[in-house]
Amino acid sequence: MNHAAAERVCFVLRLKPHRVEEYVAAHEHVWPDMLAALRDAGWRNYSLFVRADDGLVVGYLETDDFQAALTAMAATDVNARWQAAMADFFENPPGVQPDQAMRPLTEYFHLD
């Protein structure tokens, strides 16, 4: 598989500021089946960053097709369980899971 043409995806989410430490702690031991599902769905070089004072989360990943990677994850049971477990950490409208709130930012510069 040629990863040279991979999409670089950056997105932002918003945590409830008083839940940041607990959210970060929850990621110290991500479920092995969740990690496997992400890899199987084509998520590569996936990183999360947080700004602790206001709960801003910045995510970055590389994939061949972001929409296909989201769709593949949405089809897994482990993703449904993970999203349900993480939902209360986020400032999203009721019924909107964290993965549904991801909105990619537009890349306008990349230094190769």
PDB file of N, CA and C in Angstrom:
ATOM      1  N   MET A   1       0.837  -1.174   0.000  1.00  0.00           N
ATOM      2  CA  MET A   1       0.000   0.000   0.000  1.00  0.00           C
ATOM      3  C   MET A   1       0.885   1.241   0.000  1.00  0.00           C
ATOM      4  N   ASN A   2       0.615   2.187  -0.881  1.00  0.00           N
ATOM      5  CA  ASN A   2       1.393   3.415  -0.975  1.00  0.00           C
ATOM      6  C   ASN A   2       0.796   4.470  -0.059  1.00  0.00           C
ATOM      7  N   HIS A   3       1.540   4.829   0.992  1.00  0.00           N
ATOM      8  CA  HIS A   3       1.046   5.825   1.932  1.00  0.00           C
ATOM      9  C   HIS A   3       1.462   7.236   1.551  1.00  0.00           C
ATOM     10  N   ALA A   4       2.160   7.398   0.414  1.00  0.00           N
ATOM     11  CA  ALA A   4       2.626   8.715   0.026  1.00  0.00           C
ATOM     12  C   ALA A   4       1.464   9.666  -0.250  1.00  0.00           C
ATOM     13  N   ALA A   5       0.343   9.149  -0.721  1.00  0.00           N
ATOM     14  CA  ALA A   5      -0.805   9.988  -1.046  1.00  0.00           C
ATOM     15  C   ALA A   5      -1.832  10.014   0.090  1.00  0.00           C
ATOM     16  N   ALA A   6      -1.417   9.623   1.272  1.00  0.00           N
ATOM     17  CA  ALA A   6      -2.338   9.570   2.401  1.00  0.00           C
ATOM     18  C   ALA A   6      -2.892  10.953   2.718  1.00  0.00           C
ATOM     19  N   GLU A   7      -4.146  10.961   3.159  1.00  0.00           N
ATOM     20  CA  GLU A   7      -4.732  12.197   3.669  1.00  0.00           C
ATOM     21  C   GLU A   7      -4.172  12.448   5.053  1.00  0.00           C
ATOM     22  N   ARG A   8      -3.769  13.680   5.303  1.00  0.00           N
ATOM     23  CA  ARG A   8      -3.418  14.127   6.644  1.00  0.00           C
ATOM     24  C   ARG A   8      -4.656  14.841   7.167  1.00  0.00           C
ATOM     25  N   VAL A   9      -5.161  14.371   8.289  1.00  0.00           N
ATOM     26  CA  VAL A   9      -6.409  14.915   8.830  1.00  0.00           C
ATOM     27  C   VAL A   9      -6.144  15.480  10.220  1.00  0.00           C
ATOM     28  N   CYS A  10      -6.569  16.716  10.422  1.00  0.00           N
ATOM     29  CA  CYS A  10      -6.494  17.352  11.727  1.00  0.00           C
ATOM     30  C   CYS A  10      -7.908  17.802  12.084  1.00  0.00           C
ATOM     31  N   PHE A  11      -8.299  17.561  13.323  1.00  0.00           N
ATOM     32  CA  PHE A  11      -9.642  17.943  13.752  1.00  0.00           C
ATOM     33  C   PHE A  11      -9.596  18.458  15.179  1.00  0.00           C
ATOM     34  N   VAL A  12     -10.625  19.174  15.581  1.00  0.00           N
ATOM     35  CA  VAL A  12     -10.719  19.672  16.948  1.00  0.00           C
ATOM     36  C   VAL A  12     -12.022  19.192  17.575  1.00  0.00           C
ATOM     37  N   LEU A  13     -11.963  19.000  18.871  1.00  0.00           N
ATOM     38  CA  LEU A  13     -13.119  18.663  19.701  1.00  0.00           C
ATOM     39  C   LEU A  13     -13.004  19.489  20.976  1.00  0.00           C
ATOM     40  N   ARG A  14     -14.049  19.525  21.765  1.00  0.00           N
ATOM     41  CA  ARG A  14     -14.008  20.297  23.008  1.00  0.00           C
ATOM     42  C   ARG A  14     -14.452  19.420  24.171  1.00  0.00           C
ATOM     43  N   LEU A  15     -13.540  19.267  25.139  1.00  0.00           N
ATOM     44  CA  LEU A  15     -13.843  18.552  26.377  1.00  0.00           C
ATOM     45  C   LEU A  15     -14.460  19.506  27.392  1.00  0.00           C
ATOM     46  N   LYS A  16     -15.177  18.955  28.335  1.00  0.00           N
ATOM     47  CA  LYS A  16     -15.595  19.722  29.497  1.00  0.00           C
ATOM     48  C   LYS A  16     -14.320  19.976  30.305  1.00  0.00           C
ATOM     49  N   PRO A  17     -13.965  21.229  30.551  1.00  0.00           N
ATOM     50  CA  PRO A  17     -12.676  21.520  31.201  1.00  0.00           C
ATOM     51  C   PRO A  17     -12.462  20.784  32.519  1.00  0.00           C
ATOM     52  N   HIS A  18     -13.496  20.581  33.302  1.00  0.00           N
ATOM     53  CA  HIS A  18     -13.317  19.897  34.585  1.00  0.00           C
ATOM     54  C   HIS A  18     -13.121  18.387  34.432  1.00  0.00           C
ATOM     55  N   ARG A  19     -13.221  17.849  33.194  1.00  0.00           N
ATOM     56  CA  ARG A  19     -13.050  16.413  32.957  1.00  0.00           C
ATOM     57  C   ARG A  19     -11.757  16.081  32.221  1.00  0.00           C
ATOM     58  N   VAL A  20     -10.919  17.084  31.949  1.00  0.00           N
ATOM     59  CA  VAL A  20      -9.710  16.869  31.143  1.00  0.00           C
ATOM     60  C   VAL A  20      -8.802  15.808  31.743  1.00  0.00           C
ATOM     61  N   GLU A  21      -8.478  15.928  33.020  1.00  0.00           N
ATOM     62  CA  GLU A  21      -7.546  14.962  33.626  1.00  0.00           C
ATOM     63  C   GLU A  21      -8.085  13.540  33.555  1.00  0.00           C
ATOM     64  N   GLU A  22      -9.354  13.371  33.819  1.00  0.00           N
ATOM     65  CA  GLU A  22      -9.965  12.043  33.775  1.00  0.00           C
ATOM     66  C   GLU A  22      -9.972  11.487  32.346  1.00  0.00           C
ATOM     67  N   TYR A  23     -10.246  12.339  31.372  1.00  0.00           N
ATOM     68  CA  TYR A  23     -10.239  11.935  29.962  1.00  0.00           C
ATOM     69  C   TYR A  23      -8.842  11.483  29.534  1.00  0.00           C
ATOM     70  N   VAL A  24      -7.830  12.263  29.894  1.00  0.00           N
ATOM     71  CA  VAL A  24      -6.454  11.901  29.560  1.00  0.00           C
ATOM     72  C   VAL A  24      -6.093  10.577  30.226  1.00  0.00           C
ATOM     73  N   ALA A  25      -6.476  10.403  31.476  1.00  0.00           N
ATOM     74  CA  ALA A  25      -6.198   9.143  32.185  1.00  0.00           C
ATOM     75  C   ALA A  25      -6.868   7.958  31.495  1.00  0.00           C
ATOM     76  N   ALA A  26      -8.050   8.162  30.941  1.00  0.00           N
ATOM     77  CA  ALA A  26      -8.755   7.075  30.242  1.00  0.00           C
ATOM     78  C   ALA A  26      -7.986   6.600  29.010  1.00  0.00           C
ATOM     79  N   HIS A  27      -7.122   7.438  28.485  1.00  0.00           N
ATOM     80  CA  HIS A  27      -6.346   7.071  27.304  1.00  0.00           C
ATOM     81  C   HIS A  27      -4.998   6.433  27.639  1.00  0.00           C
ATOM     82  N   GLU A  28      -4.692   6.277  28.916  1.00  0.00           N
ATOM     83  CA  GLU A  28      -3.459   5.589  29.289  1.00  0.00           C
ATOM     84  C   GLU A  28      -3.524   4.105  28.963  1.00  0.00           C
ATOM     85  N   HIS A  29      -4.730   3.567  28.921  1.00  0.00           N
ATOM     86  CA  HIS A  29      -4.925   2.146  28.632  1.00  0.00           C
ATOM     87  C   HIS A  29      -6.101   1.975  27.680  1.00  0.00           C
ATOM     88  N   VAL A  30      -5.909   2.422  26.432  1.00  0.00           N
ATOM     89  CA  VAL A  30      -6.956   2.251  25.427  1.00  0.00           C
ATOM     90  C   VAL A  30      -7.126   0.757  25.179  1.00  0.00           C
ATOM     91  N   TRP A  31      -8.380   0.336  25.088  1.00  0.00           N
ATOM     92  CA  TRP A  31      -8.682  -1.086  24.904  1.00  0.00           C
ATOM     93  C   TRP A  31      -7.950  -1.647  23.688  1.00  0.00           C
ATOM     94  N   PRO A  32      -7.317  -2.810  23.826  1.00  0.00           N
ATOM     95  CA  PRO A  32      -6.608  -3.410  22.687  1.00  0.00           C
ATOM     96  C   PRO A  32      -7.502  -3.619  21.463  1.00  0.00           C
ATOM     97  N   ASP A  33      -8.780  -3.985  21.672  1.00  0.00           N
ATOM     98  CA  ASP A  33      -9.653  -4.182  20.511  1.00  0.00           C
ATOM     99  C   ASP A  33     -10.000  -2.852  19.836  1.00  0.00           C
ATOM    100  N   MET A  34      -9.971  -1.752  20.583  1.00  0.00           N
ATOM    101  CA  MET A  34     -10.174  -0.438  19.972  1.00  0.00           C
ATOM    102  C   MET A  34      -8.961  -0.063  19.139  1.00  0.00           C
ATOM    103  N   LEU A  35      -7.770  -0.276  19.663  1.00  0.00           N
ATOM    104  CA  LEU A  35      -6.548   0.008  18.908  1.00  0.00           C
ATOM    105  C   LEU A  35      -6.501  -0.808  17.614  1.00  0.00           C
ATOM    106  N   ALA A  36      -6.863  -2.087  17.716  1.00  0.00           N
ATOM    107  CA  ALA A  36      -6.869  -2.955  16.531  1.00  0.00           C
ATOM    108  C   ALA A  36      -7.900  -2.477  15.508  1.00  0.00           C
ATOM    109  N   ALA A  37      -9.065  -2.062  15.981  1.00  0.00           N
ATOM    110  CA  ALA A  37     -10.108  -1.584  15.078  1.00  0.00           C
ATOM    111  C   ALA A  37      -9.657  -0.324  14.342  1.00  0.00           C
ATOM    112  N   LEU A  38      -9.014   0.594  15.057  1.00  0.00           N
ATOM    113  CA  LEU A  38      -8.504   1.803  14.406  1.00  0.00           C
ATOM    114  C   LEU A  38      -7.498   1.450  13.315  1.00  0.00           C
ATOM    115  N   ARG A  39      -6.562   0.574  13.643  1.00  0.00           N
ATOM    116  CA  ARG A  39      -5.562   0.165  12.642  1.00  0.00           C
ATOM    117  C   ARG A  39      -6.234  -0.524  11.456  1.00  0.00           C
ATOM    118  N   ASP A  40      -7.166  -1.431  11.736  1.00  0.00           N
ATOM    119  CA  ASP A  40      -7.853  -2.160  10.668  1.00  0.00           C
ATOM    120  C   ASP A  40      -8.662  -1.223   9.771  1.00  0.00           C
ATOM    121  N   ALA A  41      -9.168  -0.130  10.343  1.00  0.00           N
ATOM    122  CA  ALA A  41      -9.973   0.828   9.577  1.00  0.00           C
ATOM    123  C   ALA A  41      -9.105   1.817   8.796  1.00  0.00           C
ATOM    124  N   GLY A  42      -7.783   1.727   8.964  1.00  0.00           N
ATOM    125  CA  GLY A  42      -6.889   2.560   8.179  1.00  0.00           C
ATOM    126  C   GLY A  42      -6.404   3.829   8.853  1.00  0.00           C
ATOM    127  N   TRP A  43      -6.571   3.921  10.179  1.00  0.00           N
ATOM    128  CA  TRP A  43      -6.059   5.085  10.927  1.00  0.00           C
ATOM    129  C   TRP A  43      -4.573   4.850  11.196  1.00  0.00           C
ATOM    130  N   ARG A  44      -3.735   5.758  10.722  1.00  0.00           N
ATOM    131  CA  ARG A  44      -2.290   5.650  10.945  1.00  0.00           C
ATOM    132  C   ARG A  44      -1.778   6.950  11.554  1.00  0.00           C
ATOM    133  N   ASN A  45      -0.698   6.816  12.303  1.00  0.00           N
ATOM    134  CA  ASN A  45      -0.036   7.982  12.882  1.00  0.00           C
ATOM    135  C   ASN A  45      -1.042   8.865  13.636  1.00  0.00           C
ATOM    136  N   TYR A  46      -1.940   8.223  14.370  1.00  0.00           N
ATOM    137  CA  TYR A  46      -3.030   8.913  15.068  1.00  0.00           C
ATOM    138  C   TYR A  46      -2.531   9.454  16.400  1.00  0.00           C
ATOM    139  N   SER A  47      -2.731  10.746  16.613  1.00  0.00           N
ATOM    140  CA  SER A  47      -2.308  11.411  17.847  1.00  0.00           C
ATOM    141  C   SER A  47      -3.416  12.319  18.340  1.00  0.00           C
ATOM    142  N   LEU A  48      -3.497  12.467  19.653  1.00  0.00           N
ATOM    143  CA  LEU A  48      -4.412  13.411  20.280  1.00  0.00           C
ATOM    144  C   LEU A  48      -3.608  14.347  21.166  1.00  0.00           C
ATOM    145  N   PHE A  49      -3.976  15.613  21.152  1.00  0.00           N
ATOM    146  CA  PHE A  49      -3.334  16.640  21.971  1.00  0.00           C
ATOM    147  C   PHE A  49      -4.443  17.365  22.722  1.00  0.00           C
ATOM    148  N   VAL A  50      -4.141  17.840  23.921  1.00  0.00           N
ATOM    149  CA  VAL A  50      -5.158  18.560  24.689  1.00  0.00           C
ATOM    150  C   VAL A  50      -4.566  19.827  25.285  1.00  0.00           C
ATOM    151  N   ARG A  51      -5.389  20.849  25.326  1.00  0.00           N
ATOM    152  CA  ARG A  51      -5.042  22.071  26.047  1.00  0.00           C
ATOM    153  C   ARG A  51      -5.844  22.025  27.341  1.00  0.00           C
ATOM    154  N   ALA A  52      -5.155  21.789  28.439  1.00  0.00           N
ATOM    155  CA  ALA A  52      -5.804  21.461  29.708  1.00  0.00           C
ATOM    156  C   ALA A  52      -6.656  22.586  30.278  1.00  0.00           C
ATOM    157  N   ASP A  53      -6.304  23.832  30.019  1.00  0.00           N
ATOM    158  CA  ASP A  53      -7.046  24.908  30.676  1.00  0.00           C
ATOM    159  C   ASP A  53      -8.464  25.101  30.141  1.00  0.00           C
ATOM    160  N   ASP A  54      -8.709  24.760  28.875  1.00  0.00           N
ATOM    161  CA  ASP A  54     -10.063  24.949  28.347  1.00  0.00           C
ATOM    162  C   ASP A  54     -10.647  23.715  27.663  1.00  0.00           C
ATOM    163  N   GLY A  55      -9.906  22.607  27.634  1.00  0.00           N
ATOM    164  CA  GLY A  55     -10.444  21.366  27.092  1.00  0.00           C
ATOM    165  C   GLY A  55     -10.378  21.214  25.585  1.00  0.00           C
ATOM    166  N   LEU A  56      -9.624  22.052  24.907  1.00  0.00           N
ATOM    167  CA  LEU A  56      -9.489  21.902  23.463  1.00  0.00           C
ATOM    168  C   LEU A  56      -8.712  20.623  23.158  1.00  0.00           C
ATOM    169  N   VAL A  57      -9.260  19.767  22.312  1.00  0.00           N
ATOM    170  CA  VAL A  57      -8.593  18.557  21.848  1.00  0.00           C
ATOM    171  C   VAL A  57      -8.300  18.738  20.363  1.00  0.00           C
ATOM    172  N   VAL A  58      -7.059  18.456  19.984  1.00  0.00           N
ATOM    173  CA  VAL A  58      -6.658  18.463  18.586  1.00  0.00           C
ATOM    174  C   VAL A  58      -6.234  17.048  18.240  1.00  0.00           C
ATOM    175  N   GLY A  59      -6.839  16.505  17.210  1.00  0.00           N
ATOM    176  CA  GLY A  59      -6.491  15.173  16.744  1.00  0.00           C
ATOM    177  C   GLY A  59      -5.818  15.236  15.397  1.00  0.00           C
ATOM    178  N   TYR A  60      -4.923  14.297  15.158  1.00  0.00           N
ATOM    179  CA  TYR A  60      -4.215  14.205  13.879  1.00  0.00           C
ATOM    180  C   TYR A  60      -4.114  12.740  13.504  1.00  0.00           C
ATOM    181  N   LEU A  61      -4.346  12.443  12.240  1.00  0.00           N
ATOM    182  CA  LEU A  61      -4.145  11.094  11.728  1.00  0.00           C
ATOM    183  C   LEU A  61      -3.834  11.151  10.248  1.00  0.00           C
ATOM    184  N   GLU A  62      -3.355  10.039   9.766  1.00  0.00           N
ATOM    185  CA  GLU A  62      -3.149   9.860   8.336  1.00  0.00           C
ATOM    186  C   GLU A  62      -3.937   8.638   7.924  1.00  0.00           C
ATOM    187  N   THR A  63      -4.548   8.708   6.762  1.00  0.00           N
ATOM    188  CA  THR A  63      -5.356   7.604   6.260  1.00  0.00           C
ATOM    189  C   THR A  63      -5.475   7.745   4.752  1.00  0.00           C
ATOM    190  N   ASP A  64      -5.837   6.685   4.086  1.00  0.00           N
ATOM    191  CA  ASP A  64      -6.009   6.759   2.641  1.00  0.00           C
ATOM    192  C   ASP A  64      -7.315   7.460   2.269  1.00  0.00           C
ATOM    193  N   ASP A  65      -8.331   7.343   3.127  1.00  0.00           N
ATOM    194  CA  ASP A  65      -9.644   7.934   2.851  1.00  0.00           C
ATOM    195  C   ASP A  65     -10.332   8.153   4.201  1.00  0.00           C
ATOM    196  N   PHE A  66     -10.395   9.395   4.653  1.00  0.00           N
ATOM    197  CA  PHE A  66     -10.926   9.685   5.981  1.00  0.00           C
ATOM    198  C   PHE A  66     -12.383   9.257   6.129  1.00  0.00           C
ATOM    199  N   GLN A  67     -13.192   9.551   5.142  1.00  0.00           N
ATOM    200  CA  GLN A  67     -14.602   9.165   5.258  1.00  0.00           C
ATOM    201  C   GLN A  67     -14.740   7.647   5.341  1.00  0.00           C
ATOM    202  N   ALA A  68     -13.963   6.918   4.565  1.00  0.00           N
ATOM    203  CA  ALA A  68     -13.995   5.452   4.630  1.00  0.00           C
ATOM    204  C   ALA A  68     -13.504   4.963   5.985  1.00  0.00           C
ATOM    205  N   ALA A  69     -12.487   5.619   6.546  1.00  0.00           N
ATOM    206  CA  ALA A  69     -11.965   5.229   7.859  1.00  0.00           C
ATOM    207  C   ALA A  69     -13.004   5.471   8.946  1.00  0.00           C
ATOM    208  N   LEU A  70     -13.725   6.606   8.879  1.00  0.00           N
ATOM    209  CA  LEU A  70     -14.806   6.872   9.837  1.00  0.00           C
ATOM    210  C   LEU A  70     -15.920   5.840   9.711  1.00  0.00           C
ATOM    211  N   THR A  71     -16.288   5.546   8.474  1.00  0.00           N
ATOM    212  CA  THR A  71     -17.367   4.582   8.220  1.00  0.00           C
ATOM    213  C   THR A  71     -16.987   3.198   8.733  1.00  0.00           C
ATOM    214  N   ALA A  72     -15.744   2.793   8.506  1.00  0.00           N
ATOM    215  CA  ALA A  72     -15.284   1.482   8.978  1.00  0.00           C
ATOM    216  C   ALA A  72     -15.330   1.410  10.498  1.00  0.00           C
ATOM    217  N   MET A  73     -14.920   2.477  11.169  1.00  0.00           N
ATOM    218  CA  MET A  73     -14.969   2.489  12.637  1.00  0.00           C
ATOM    219  C   MET A  73     -16.412   2.474  13.134  1.00  0.00           C
ATOM    220  N   ALA A  74     -17.274   3.236  12.493  1.00  0.00           N
ATOM    221  CA  ALA A  74     -18.676   3.310  12.916  1.00  0.00           C
ATOM    222  C   ALA A  74     -19.369   1.957  12.837  1.00  0.00           C
ATOM    223  N   ALA A  75     -18.846   1.071  12.006  1.00  0.00           N
ATOM    224  CA  ALA A  75     -19.442  -0.253  11.842  1.00  0.00           C
ATOM    225  C   ALA A  75     -18.999  -1.247  12.901  1.00  0.00           C
ATOM    226  N   THR A  76     -18.101  -0.846  13.798  1.00  0.00           N
ATOM    227  CA  THR A  76     -17.586  -1.788  14.799  1.00  0.00           C
ATOM    228  C   THR A  76     -18.308  -1.633  16.133  1.00  0.00           C
ATOM    229  N   ASP A  77     -18.470  -2.733  16.812  1.00  0.00           N
ATOM    230  CA  ASP A  77     -19.070  -2.726  18.148  1.00  0.00           C
ATOM    231  C   ASP A  77     -18.168  -2.025  19.150  1.00  0.00           C
ATOM    232  N   VAL A  78     -16.866  -2.221  19.027  1.00  0.00           N
ATOM    233  CA  VAL A  78     -15.944  -1.611  19.990  1.00  0.00           C
ATOM    234  C   VAL A  78     -16.000  -0.089  19.900  1.00  0.00           C
ATOM    235  N   ASN A  79     -16.175   0.464  18.708  1.00  0.00           N
ATOM    236  CA  ASN A  79     -16.280   1.910  18.578  1.00  0.00           C
ATOM    237  C   ASN A  79     -17.539   2.424  19.268  1.00  0.00           C
ATOM    238  N   ALA A  80     -18.644   1.725  19.107  1.00  0.00           N
ATOM    239  CA  ALA A  80     -19.884   2.143  19.772  1.00  0.00           C
ATOM    240  C   ALA A  80     -19.699   2.152  21.288  1.00  0.00           C
ATOM    241  N   ARG A  81     -19.034   1.137  21.807  1.00  0.00           N
ATOM    242  CA  ARG A  81     -18.788   1.071  23.253  1.00  0.00           C
ATOM    243  C   ARG A  81     -17.843   2.177  23.711  1.00  0.00           C
ATOM    244  N   TRP A  82     -16.775   2.425  22.934  1.00  0.00           N
ATOM    245  CA  TRP A  82     -15.813   3.465  23.298  1.00  0.00           C
ATOM    246  C   TRP A  82     -16.469   4.848  23.255  1.00  0.00           C
ATOM    247  N   GLN A  83     -17.209   5.127  22.195  1.00  0.00           N
ATOM    248  CA  GLN A  83     -17.859   6.435  22.078  1.00  0.00           C
ATOM    249  C   GLN A  83     -18.845   6.661  23.225  1.00  0.00           C
ATOM    250  N   ALA A  84     -19.576   5.625  23.588  1.00  0.00           N
ATOM    251  CA  ALA A  84     -20.512   5.744  24.712  1.00  0.00           C
ATOM    252  C   ALA A  84     -19.761   6.021  26.013  1.00  0.00           C
ATOM    253  N   ALA A  85     -18.625   5.360  26.200  1.00  0.00           N
ATOM    254  CA  ALA A  85     -17.831   5.552  27.417  1.00  0.00           C
ATOM    255  C   ALA A  85     -17.213   6.945  27.478  1.00  0.00           C
ATOM    256  N   MET A  86     -16.909   7.550  26.329  1.00  0.00           N
ATOM    257  CA  MET A  86     -16.237   8.845  26.275  1.00  0.00           C
ATOM    258  C   MET A  86     -17.204  10.024  26.148  1.00  0.00           C
ATOM    259  N   ALA A  87     -18.439   9.779  25.785  1.00  0.00           N
ATOM    260  CA  ALA A  87     -19.376  10.856  25.431  1.00  0.00           C
ATOM    261  C   ALA A  87     -19.514  11.933  26.502  1.00  0.00           C
ATOM    262  N   ASP A  88     -19.555  11.559  27.764  1.00  0.00           N
ATOM    263  CA  ASP A  88     -19.803  12.533  28.820  1.00  0.00           C
ATOM    264  C   ASP A  88     -18.620  13.464  29.079  1.00  0.00           C
ATOM    265  N   PHE A  89     -17.472  13.168  28.499  1.00  0.00           N
ATOM    266  CA  PHE A  89     -16.311  14.037  28.657  1.00  0.00           C
ATOM    267  C   PHE A  89     -16.400  15.282  27.759  1.00  0.00           C
ATOM    268  N   PHE A  90     -17.228  15.210  26.723  1.00  0.00           N
ATOM    269  CA  PHE A  90     -17.235  16.230  25.679  1.00  0.00           C
ATOM    270  C   PHE A  90     -18.381  17.213  25.801  1.00  0.00           C
ATOM    271  N   GLU A  91     -18.140  18.414  25.288  1.00  0.00           N
ATOM    272  CA  GLU A  91     -19.169  19.442  25.188  1.00  0.00           C
ATOM    273  C   GLU A  91     -19.810  19.334  23.810  1.00  0.00           C
ATOM    274  N   ASN A  92     -20.620  18.306  23.600  1.00  0.00           N
ATOM    275  CA  ASN A  92     -21.332  18.100  22.345  1.00  0.00           C
ATOM    276  C   ASN A  92     -22.825  18.208  22.611  1.00  0.00           C
ATOM    277  N   PRO A  93     -23.597  18.519  21.588  1.00  0.00           N
ATOM    278  CA  PRO A  93     -25.053  18.504  21.765  1.00  0.00           C
ATOM    279  C   PRO A  93     -25.516  17.103  22.185  1.00  0.00           C
ATOM    280  N   PRO A  94     -26.620  17.010  22.905  1.00  0.00           N
ATOM    281  CA  PRO A  94     -27.130  15.685  23.309  1.00  0.00           C
ATOM    282  C   PRO A  94     -27.274  14.761  22.105  1.00  0.00           C
ATOM    283  N   GLY A  95     -26.835  13.516  22.292  1.00  0.00           N
ATOM    284  CA  GLY A  95     -26.954  12.505  21.247  1.00  0.00           C
ATOM    285  C   GLY A  95     -25.850  12.517  20.206  1.00  0.00           C
ATOM    286  N   VAL A  96     -24.920  13.465  20.296  1.00  0.00           N
ATOM    287  CA  VAL A  96     -23.814  13.524  19.335  1.00  0.00           C
ATOM    288  C   VAL A  96     -22.580  12.925  19.990  1.00  0.00           C
ATOM    289  N   GLN A  97     -22.137  11.794  19.446  1.00  0.00           N
ATOM    290  CA  GLN A  97     -20.955  11.113  19.969  1.00  0.00           C
ATOM    291  C   GLN A  97     -19.700  11.868  19.525  1.00  0.00           C
ATOM    292  N   PRO A  98     -18.593  11.724  20.262  1.00  0.00           N
ATOM    293  CA  PRO A  98     -17.358  12.429  19.897  1.00  0.00           C
ATOM    294  C   PRO A  98     -16.919  12.200  18.446  1.00  0.00           C
ATOM    295  N   ASP A  99     -16.994  10.972  17.961  1.00  0.00           N
ATOM    296  CA  ASP A  99     -16.545  10.728  16.591  1.00  0.00           C
ATOM    297  C   ASP A  99     -17.466  11.372  15.561  1.00  0.00           C
ATOM    298  N   GLN A 100     -18.697  11.661  15.934  1.00  0.00           N
ATOM    299  CA  GLN A 100     -19.618  12.347  15.030  1.00  0.00           C
ATOM    300  C   GLN A 100     -19.374  13.855  15.017  1.00  0.00           C
ATOM    301  N   ALA A 101     -18.679  14.366  16.018  1.00  0.00           N
ATOM    302  CA  ALA A 101     -18.406  15.801  16.120  1.00  0.00           C
ATOM    303  C   ALA A 101     -17.095  16.191  15.443  1.00  0.00           C
ATOM    304  N   MET A 102     -16.329  15.213  14.971  1.00  0.00           N
ATOM    305  CA  MET A 102     -15.060  15.516  14.301  1.00  0.00           C
ATOM    306  C   MET A 102     -15.331  16.265  13.006  1.00  0.00           C
ATOM    307  N   ARG A 103     -14.715  17.411  12.882  1.00  0.00           N
ATOM    308  CA  ARG A 103     -14.799  18.176  11.652  1.00  0.00           C
ATOM    309  C   ARG A 103     -13.370  18.508  11.245  1.00  0.00           C
ATOM    310  N   PRO A 104     -12.911  17.923  10.144  1.00  0.00           N
ATOM    311  CA  PRO A 104     -11.525  18.176   9.731  1.00  0.00           C
ATOM    312  C   PRO A 104     -11.279  19.649   9.436  1.00  0.00           C
ATOM    313  N   LEU A 105     -10.090  20.098   9.808  1.00  0.00           N
ATOM    314  CA  LEU A 105      -9.637  21.428   9.457  1.00  0.00           C
ATOM    315  C   LEU A 105      -9.065  21.385   8.043  1.00  0.00           C
ATOM    316  N   THR A 106      -9.052  22.511   7.375  1.00  0.00           N
ATOM    317  CA  THR A 106      -8.493  22.591   6.025  1.00  0.00           C
ATOM    318  C   THR A 106      -6.979  22.780   6.119  1.00  0.00           C
ATOM    319  N   GLU A 107      -6.252  21.875   5.495  1.00  0.00           N
ATOM    320  CA  GLU A 107      -4.798  22.009   5.451  1.00  0.00           C
ATOM    321  C   GLU A 107      -4.456  23.015   4.368  1.00  0.00           C
ATOM    322  N   TYR A 108      -3.683  24.027   4.710  1.00  0.00           N
ATOM    323  CA  TYR A 108      -3.319  25.030   3.720  1.00  0.00           C
ATOM    324  C   TYR A 108      -1.810  25.161   3.531  1.00  0.00           C
ATOM    325  N   PHE A 109      -1.029  24.439   4.350  1.00  0.00           N
ATOM    326  CA  PHE A 109       0.427  24.434   4.180  1.00  0.00           C
ATOM    327  C   PHE A 109       0.966  23.148   4.771  1.00  0.00           C
ATOM    328  N   HIS A 110       1.954  22.578   4.094  1.00  0.00           N
ATOM    329  CA  HIS A 110       2.645  21.394   4.601  1.00  0.00           C
ATOM    330  C   HIS A 110       4.083  21.472   4.144  1.00  0.00           C
ATOM    331  N   LEU A 111       5.008  21.395   5.073  1.00  0.00           N
ATOM    332  CA  LEU A 111       6.435  21.397   4.765  1.00  0.00           C
ATOM    333  C   LEU A 111       6.888  19.959   4.588  1.00  0.00           C
ATOM    334  N   ASP A 112       7.221  19.581   3.386  1.00  0.00           N
ATOM    335  CA  ASP A 112       7.715  18.229   3.134  1.00  0.00           C
ATOM    336  C   ASP A 112       9.149  18.120   3.508  1.00  0.00           C
TER     337      ASP A 112
END
